[in-house]
């Protein structure tokens, strides 16, 4: 028994190795996102676009379009990965994520409503609607699942969230079909895309993403206490109510900004925390940090795959994320270690 215990890697070693792996995965994803595209450019052209740009179309494609797309993918992936970890920690439900609980659908519905009712088509115009929609959806799911009789169970939160998300998505699609001309420019947004986003998209969401990530960092220690149960958390001196408010505010900012910028992208917030917990264990401080690194890596890799899988056309990242994420999540759920998380 002693030999078996001694052979196990220490948690600190596993976290260090996992952190390096996440950083390496993100670096590879960034490199591929910049080097690979539907326009197959030689690597020397890609390198020259940064080393000695000449203003050509190829160099502009790399230095402008691909870099902007990559930076947006990093921001969106970090937001979705961290918000998924926060929701799973808050609800103590490994099946929870912004998509499952209807938060992304709420943000998306509010954006569609702003476009349909007011003709808003710029992100700075409909971004506030995304925040309101995300917060309203989270509050409605919580209230309906609780039924007015105490805290809701994880199962009821999931069921109500999936139901509300389906209703809001259906209404959003109906509104888009009614006014095809207005929504034509946003058809790729509806599928989840970081390509060809309006100029200034990242600048518009960056302050809200930064605020959301800071709130996430501030709430991580409280989530560790909440994992022991509300009564135990209070006995340890943790502010249960304050932690929940911080988490809801962080999720609203992160999901609202990410959805406004790139549309609804599923599976990132659900799958990434599952993967990182293999290295981090149950400490939500580390889970949030690892998710902020691995979430962007997954989004960028899915986006890169979408550029080449149906050449010369492209698949939106939201579609590829679902195609890749669903079987990966099923495989994770079938392992005994994943079931124990």
Protein backbone atom coordinates (compact mmCIF):
# COMPACT_ATOMS: atom_id res chain seq x y z
CA UNK A 1 0.00 0.00 0.00
CA UNK A 2 2.83 2.39 0.90
CA UNK A 3 4.61 1.66 -2.36
CA UNK A 4 1.41 2.18 -4.32
CA UNK A 5 0.77 5.51 -2.61
CA UNK A 6 4.34 6.68 -3.12
CA UNK A 7 4.10 5.91 -6.82
CA UNK A 8 1.26 8.37 -7.34
CA UNK A 9 2.31 11.76 -8.69
CA UNK A 10 1.94 14.61 -6.23
CA UNK A 11 -0.93 17.04 -6.97
CA UNK A 12 1.55 19.88 -7.47
CA UNK A 13 3.47 17.88 -10.06
CA UNK A 14 0.28 16.96 -11.94
CA UNK A 15 -0.82 20.60 -11.96
CA UNK A 16 2.55 21.81 -13.20
CA UNK A 17 2.60 19.26 -16.00
CA UNK A 18 -1.01 20.03 -16.84
CA UNK A 19 -0.36 23.77 -16.89
CA UNK A 20 2.57 23.34 -19.26
CA UNK A 21 0.42 21.08 -21.46
CA UNK A 22 -2.37 23.68 -21.60
CA UNK A 23 0.10 26.45 -22.49
CA UNK A 24 1.66 24.26 -25.18
CA UNK A 25 -1.77 23.37 -26.59
CA UNK A 26 -2.72 27.05 -26.75
CA UNK A 27 0.56 27.94 -28.45
CA UNK A 28 0.07 25.23 -31.07
CA UNK A 29 -3.53 26.31 -31.64
CA UNK A 30 -2.47 29.93 -32.13
CA UNK A 31 0.24 28.93 -34.59
CA UNK A 32 -2.15 26.76 -36.61
CA UNK A 33 -4.85 29.45 -36.58
CA UNK A 34 -2.43 31.95 -38.11
CA UNK A 35 -0.71 29.55 -40.53
CA UNK A 36 -3.68 27.51 -41.82
CA UNK A 37 -6.70 28.74 -43.71
CA UNK A 38 -9.00 28.16 -46.64
CA UNK A 39 -6.40 30.10 -48.65
CA UNK A 40 -3.48 27.68 -48.57
CA UNK A 41 -0.46 29.95 -48.15
CA UNK A 42 3.12 28.60 -47.90
CA UNK A 43 4.76 28.93 -44.50
CA UNK A 44 7.40 31.28 -45.88
CA UNK A 45 4.62 33.65 -46.99
CA UNK A 46 3.06 33.47 -43.53
CA UNK A 47 6.41 34.26 -41.93
CA UNK A 48 7.11 37.09 -44.36
CA UNK A 49 3.75 38.67 -43.50
CA UNK A 50 5.23 39.50 -40.08
CA UNK A 51 8.95 39.73 -40.85
CA UNK A 52 8.77 41.83 -44.01
CA UNK A 53 5.21 42.79 -44.94
CA UNK A 54 4.77 44.22 -48.42
CA UNK A 55 1.07 45.11 -48.33
CA UNK A 56 0.06 42.25 -50.64
CA UNK A 57 -3.26 40.45 -50.36
CA UNK A 58 -1.58 37.34 -48.94
CA UNK A 59 0.25 39.31 -46.27
CA UNK A 60 -2.91 41.22 -45.34
CA UNK A 61 -4.81 37.94 -45.07
CA UNK A 62 -2.32 36.66 -42.51
CA UNK A 63 -1.38 39.79 -40.56
CA UNK A 64 -4.85 41.32 -40.45
CA UNK A 65 -7.66 38.81 -41.00
CA UNK A 66 -6.13 35.72 -39.40
CA UNK A 67 -4.58 37.53 -36.46
CA UNK A 68 -7.84 39.34 -35.66
CA UNK A 69 -9.73 36.06 -35.94
CA UNK A 70 -7.22 34.34 -33.66
CA UNK A 71 -7.35 37.04 -31.00
CA UNK A 72 -11.14 36.92 -30.98
CA UNK A 73 -11.03 33.13 -30.68
CA UNK A 74 -8.74 33.41 -27.65
CA UNK A 75 -11.09 35.87 -25.96
CA UNK A 76 -14.25 33.89 -26.72
CA UNK A 77 -12.69 30.55 -25.74
CA UNK A 78 -11.44 31.89 -22.42
CA UNK A 79 -14.85 33.39 -21.65
CA UNK A 80 -16.74 30.20 -22.44
CA UNK A 81 -14.28 27.90 -20.66
CA UNK A 82 -14.19 29.93 -17.45
CA UNK A 83 -17.94 30.56 -17.38
CA UNK A 84 -18.58 26.84 -17.78
CA UNK A 85 -16.29 26.09 -14.85
CA UNK A 86 -18.01 28.73 -12.71
CA UNK A 87 -21.49 27.39 -13.43
CA UNK A 88 -20.45 23.82 -12.68
CA UNK A 89 -18.92 24.95 -9.40
CA UNK A 90 -21.92 27.05 -8.42
CA UNK A 91 -24.52 24.39 -9.16
CA UNK A 92 -22.28 21.45 -8.14
CA UNK A 93 -23.45 19.89 -11.39
CA UNK A 94 -20.86 18.47 -13.84
CA UNK A 95 -23.47 18.67 -16.64
CA UNK A 96 -23.94 22.41 -16.27
CA UNK A 97 -22.61 24.94 -18.73
CA UNK A 98 -23.83 28.25 -20.15
CA UNK A 99 -25.51 26.43 -23.04
CA UNK A 100 -27.20 23.74 -20.96
CA UNK A 101 -28.53 26.29 -18.46
CA UNK A 102 -29.90 28.54 -21.21
CA UNK A 103 -27.55 31.47 -20.53
CA UNK A 104 -26.12 31.56 -24.06
CA UNK A 105 -29.59 31.15 -25.54
CA UNK A 106 -30.82 34.05 -23.42
CA UNK A 107 -28.00 36.28 -24.61
CA UNK A 108 -28.54 35.21 -28.21
CA UNK A 109 -32.30 35.79 -28.01
CA UNK A 110 -31.77 39.29 -26.64
CA UNK A 111 -29.39 40.09 -29.50
CA UNK A 112 -31.87 38.79 -32.08
CA UNK A 113 -34.65 40.79 -30.42
CA UNK A 114 -32.52 43.95 -30.56
CA UNK A 115 -31.83 43.40 -34.25
CA UNK A 116 -35.46 42.60 -35.11
CA UNK A 117 -37.09 45.33 -33.03
CA UNK A 118 -34.62 48.19 -33.31
CA UNK A 119 -32.53 47.32 -36.35
CA UNK A 120 -29.31 47.22 -34.33
CA UNK A 121 -26.54 45.56 -36.30
CA UNK A 122 -23.37 46.89 -34.62
CA UNK A 123 -21.96 45.04 -31.64
CA UNK A 124 -21.74 48.20 -29.53
CA UNK A 125 -25.50 48.60 -30.03
CA UNK A 126 -26.65 45.11 -29.12
CA UNK A 127 -23.96 44.19 -26.57
CA UNK A 128 -26.01 45.56 -23.60
CA UNK A 129 -28.93 43.41 -24.73
CA UNK A 130 -26.72 40.32 -24.60
CA UNK A 131 -25.83 41.02 -20.97
CA UNK A 132 -29.46 41.56 -20.00
CA UNK A 133 -30.52 38.39 -21.83
CA UNK A 134 -27.84 36.28 -20.16
CA UNK A 135 -28.76 37.55 -16.70
CA UNK A 136 -32.50 37.20 -17.28
CA UNK A 137 -32.11 33.63 -18.55
CA UNK A 138 -29.96 32.62 -15.57
CA UNK A 139 -32.44 34.17 -13.12
CA UNK A 140 -35.46 32.59 -14.82
CA UNK A 141 -33.89 29.13 -14.88
CA UNK A 142 -33.00 29.39 -11.20
CA UNK A 143 -36.48 30.62 -10.18
CA UNK A 144 -38.37 28.00 -12.21
CA UNK A 145 -36.10 25.18 -11.06
CA UNK A 146 -36.43 26.18 -7.42
CA UNK A 147 -40.21 26.30 -7.65
CA UNK A 148 -40.25 28.78 -4.78
CA UNK A 149 -39.21 26.08 -2.30
CA UNK A 150 -35.51 26.46 -1.56
CA UNK A 151 -32.48 25.82 -3.69
CA UNK A 152 -33.00 23.88 -6.94
CA UNK A 153 -31.39 20.53 -7.55
CA UNK A 154 -28.76 20.12 -10.29
CA UNK A 155 -31.11 17.89 -12.28
CA UNK A 156 -33.93 20.42 -12.23
CA UNK A 157 -31.56 23.23 -13.19
CA UNK A 158 -30.39 21.20 -16.17
CA UNK A 159 -33.88 20.24 -17.33
CA UNK A 160 -35.27 23.76 -17.00
CA UNK A 161 -32.18 25.25 -18.67
CA UNK A 162 -32.36 22.90 -21.65
CA UNK A 163 -36.10 23.57 -22.04
CA UNK A 164 -35.73 27.35 -21.83
CA UNK A 165 -32.74 27.30 -24.19
CA UNK A 166 -34.72 25.33 -26.77
CA UNK A 167 -37.67 27.74 -26.58
CA UNK A 168 -35.50 30.84 -26.88
CA UNK A 169 -33.50 29.34 -29.75
CA UNK A 170 -36.72 28.48 -31.59
CA UNK A 171 -38.07 32.01 -31.17
CA UNK A 172 -34.75 33.48 -32.31
CA UNK A 173 -34.76 31.38 -35.46
CA UNK A 174 -38.36 32.37 -36.18
CA UNK A 175 -37.54 36.07 -35.89
CA UNK A 176 -34.56 35.60 -38.18
CA UNK A 177 -36.71 33.90 -40.81
CA UNK A 178 -39.34 36.65 -40.68
CA UNK A 179 -36.81 39.39 -41.46
CA UNK A 180 -34.36 37.62 -43.73
CA UNK A 181 -32.86 40.79 -45.19
CA UNK A 182 -31.89 42.28 -41.83
CA UNK A 183 -30.49 39.01 -40.48
CA UNK A 184 -28.65 38.06 -43.67
CA UNK A 185 -25.49 39.74 -42.43
CA UNK A 186 -25.75 37.84 -39.14
CA UNK A 187 -26.48 34.36 -40.48
CA UNK A 188 -22.98 33.12 -39.65
CA UNK A 189 -23.23 34.69 -36.19
CA UNK A 190 -26.27 32.50 -35.53
CA UNK A 191 -24.19 29.37 -36.17
CA UNK A 192 -21.35 30.56 -33.94
CA UNK A 193 -18.48 32.17 -35.83
CA UNK A 194 -15.31 34.17 -35.17
CA UNK A 195 -14.72 34.82 -38.88
CA UNK A 196 -15.39 38.14 -40.61
CA UNK A 197 -16.63 39.81 -37.46
CA UNK A 198 -17.15 43.59 -37.68
CA UNK A 199 -14.12 45.74 -37.03
CA UNK A 200 -13.84 46.69 -33.38
CA UNK A 201 -15.60 43.56 -32.09
CA UNK A 202 -12.75 42.58 -29.79
CA UNK A 203 -12.31 46.14 -28.56
CA UNK A 204 -16.01 46.30 -27.69
CA UNK A 205 -16.03 43.14 -25.55
CA UNK A 206 -12.52 43.33 -24.05
CA UNK A 207 -13.42 45.47 -20.98
CA UNK A 208 -16.34 43.21 -20.10
CA UNK A 209 -14.28 40.05 -20.55
CA UNK A 210 -11.55 41.49 -18.31
CA UNK A 211 -14.10 42.38 -15.64
CA UNK A 212 -15.67 38.93 -15.88
CA UNK A 213 -12.33 37.17 -15.51
CA UNK A 214 -11.43 39.30 -12.48
CA UNK A 215 -14.75 38.43 -10.85
CA UNK A 216 -14.14 34.77 -11.65
CA UNK A 217 -10.76 34.91 -9.93
CA UNK A 218 -12.33 36.59 -6.91
CA UNK A 219 -15.04 33.93 -6.59
CA UNK A 220 -12.87 30.82 -7.06
CA UNK A 221 -11.92 30.45 -3.39
CA UNK A 222 -15.57 30.79 -2.38
CA UNK A 223 -16.52 28.04 -4.84
CA UNK A 224 -14.14 25.69 -3.04
CA UNK A 225 -16.05 26.34 0.17
CA UNK A 226 -19.45 25.96 -1.54
CA UNK A 227 -18.38 22.53 -2.81
CA UNK A 228 -18.57 21.35 0.82
CA UNK A 229 -22.19 22.49 1.13
CA UNK A 230 -23.76 25.77 2.20
CA UNK A 231 -23.76 25.01 5.93
CA UNK A 232 -20.13 23.93 5.97
CA UNK A 233 -19.16 26.94 3.85
CA UNK A 234 -20.82 29.30 6.33
CA UNK A 235 -19.12 27.52 9.23
CA UNK A 236 -15.78 28.12 7.48
CA UNK A 237 -16.58 31.82 7.23
CA UNK A 238 -17.24 31.89 3.48
CA UNK A 239 -19.75 34.40 2.17
CA UNK A 240 -22.19 32.10 0.40
CA UNK A 241 -24.43 34.86 -0.94
CA UNK A 242 -21.52 37.05 -2.00
CA UNK A 243 -19.89 34.14 -3.85
CA UNK A 244 -23.07 33.39 -5.76
CA UNK A 245 -23.49 37.04 -6.73
CA UNK A 246 -19.89 37.20 -7.93
CA UNK A 247 -20.32 34.03 -10.00
CA UNK A 248 -23.58 35.17 -11.59
CA UNK A 249 -22.05 38.56 -12.43
CA UNK A 250 -18.95 36.91 -13.92
CA UNK A 251 -20.98 34.44 -15.99
CA UNK A 252 -23.26 37.22 -17.24
CA UNK A 253 -20.32 39.35 -18.38
CA UNK A 254 -18.39 36.46 -19.94
CA UNK A 255 -21.31 34.77 -21.70
CA UNK A 256 -22.94 38.00 -22.77
CA UNK A 257 -19.74 39.32 -24.34
CA UNK A 258 -18.78 36.01 -25.97
CA UNK A 259 -22.24 35.42 -27.43
CA UNK A 260 -22.55 38.98 -28.70
CA UNK A 261 -19.19 38.68 -30.45
CA UNK A 262 -19.33 35.16 -31.87
CA UNK A 263 -22.86 33.85 -31.47
CA UNK A 264 -23.83 30.68 -29.60
CA UNK A 265 -20.96 28.17 -29.35
CA UNK A 266 -21.78 24.99 -27.45
CA UNK A 267 -19.74 22.31 -25.64
CA UNK A 268 -16.77 24.52 -24.72
CA UNK A 269 -18.00 25.33 -21.23
CA UNK A 270 -19.30 21.81 -20.72
CA UNK A 271 -16.31 19.79 -21.91
CA UNK A 272 -13.24 21.85 -20.97
CA UNK A 273 -13.72 21.82 -17.16
CA UNK A 274 -14.13 18.04 -17.33
CA UNK A 275 -10.78 17.69 -19.06
CA UNK A 276 -8.83 20.06 -16.84
CA UNK A 277 -10.09 18.47 -13.61
CA UNK A 278 -7.97 15.44 -14.45
CA UNK A 279 -4.92 17.57 -13.73
CA UNK A 280 -6.26 20.10 -11.24
CA UNK A 281 -8.45 18.01 -8.98
CA UNK A 282 -11.45 19.73 -7.33
CA UNK A 283 -9.77 23.10 -6.68
CA UNK A 284 -11.83 25.67 -8.60
CA UNK A 285 -9.01 28.20 -8.61
CA UNK A 286 -6.94 25.88 -10.77
CA UNK A 287 -9.94 24.69 -12.78
CA UNK A 288 -10.75 28.28 -13.79
CA UNK A 289 -7.12 28.99 -14.71
CA UNK A 290 -6.71 25.85 -16.79
CA UNK A 291 -10.09 26.44 -18.48
CA UNK A 292 -8.96 29.96 -19.44
CA UNK A 293 -6.06 28.35 -21.35
CA UNK A 294 -7.61 25.20 -22.77
CA UNK A 295 -10.90 26.85 -23.79
CA UNK A 296 -9.20 29.13 -26.34
CA UNK A 297 -7.07 26.23 -27.59
CA UNK A 298 -10.19 24.18 -28.32
CA UNK A 299 -12.01 27.08 -30.03
CA UNK A 300 -9.01 27.88 -32.24
CA UNK A 301 -8.43 24.25 -33.19
CA UNK A 302 -12.13 23.82 -34.03
CA UNK A 303 -12.07 27.01 -36.09
CA UNK A 304 -8.92 25.91 -37.94
CA UNK A 305 -10.48 22.54 -38.70
CA UNK A 306 -13.58 24.29 -40.03
CA UNK A 307 -11.45 26.23 -42.52
CA UNK A 308 -10.08 23.12 -44.24
CA UNK A 309 -12.68 20.38 -43.77
CA UNK A 310 -14.97 21.53 -46.63
CA UNK A 311 -12.57 23.44 -48.89
CA UNK A 312 -12.99 25.87 -50.54
CA UNK A 313 -15.86 26.77 -48.19
CA UNK A 314 -15.65 26.98 -44.40
CA UNK A 315 -17.62 25.55 -41.50
CA UNK A 316 -18.39 27.88 -38.61
CA UNK A 317 -16.63 27.17 -35.33
CA UNK A 318 -19.95 26.58 -33.56
CA UNK A 319 -20.72 23.68 -35.90
CA UNK A 320 -17.26 22.12 -35.62
CA UNK A 321 -17.26 22.52 -31.83
CA UNK A 322 -20.47 20.49 -31.66
CA UNK A 323 -19.20 17.84 -34.08
CA UNK A 324 -15.95 17.42 -32.12
CA UNK A 325 -17.22 18.14 -28.64
CA UNK A 326 -20.13 15.72 -28.56
CA UNK A 327 -18.16 12.48 -29.14
CA UNK A 328 -15.30 13.68 -26.92
CA UNK A 329 -17.71 14.41 -24.09
CA UNK A 330 -19.38 11.00 -24.53
CA UNK A 331 -15.98 9.31 -24.35
CA UNK A 332 -15.11 11.26 -21.21
CA UNK A 333 -18.42 10.37 -19.58
CA UNK A 334 -17.83 6.66 -20.22
CA UNK A 335 -14.56 6.57 -18.30
CA UNK A 336 -14.70 5.65 -14.65
CA UNK A 337 -12.48 8.57 -13.69
CA UNK A 338 -14.74 11.07 -15.45
CA UNK A 339 -17.84 9.66 -13.77
CA UNK A 340 -16.19 10.24 -10.42
CA UNK A 341 -15.52 13.95 -11.06
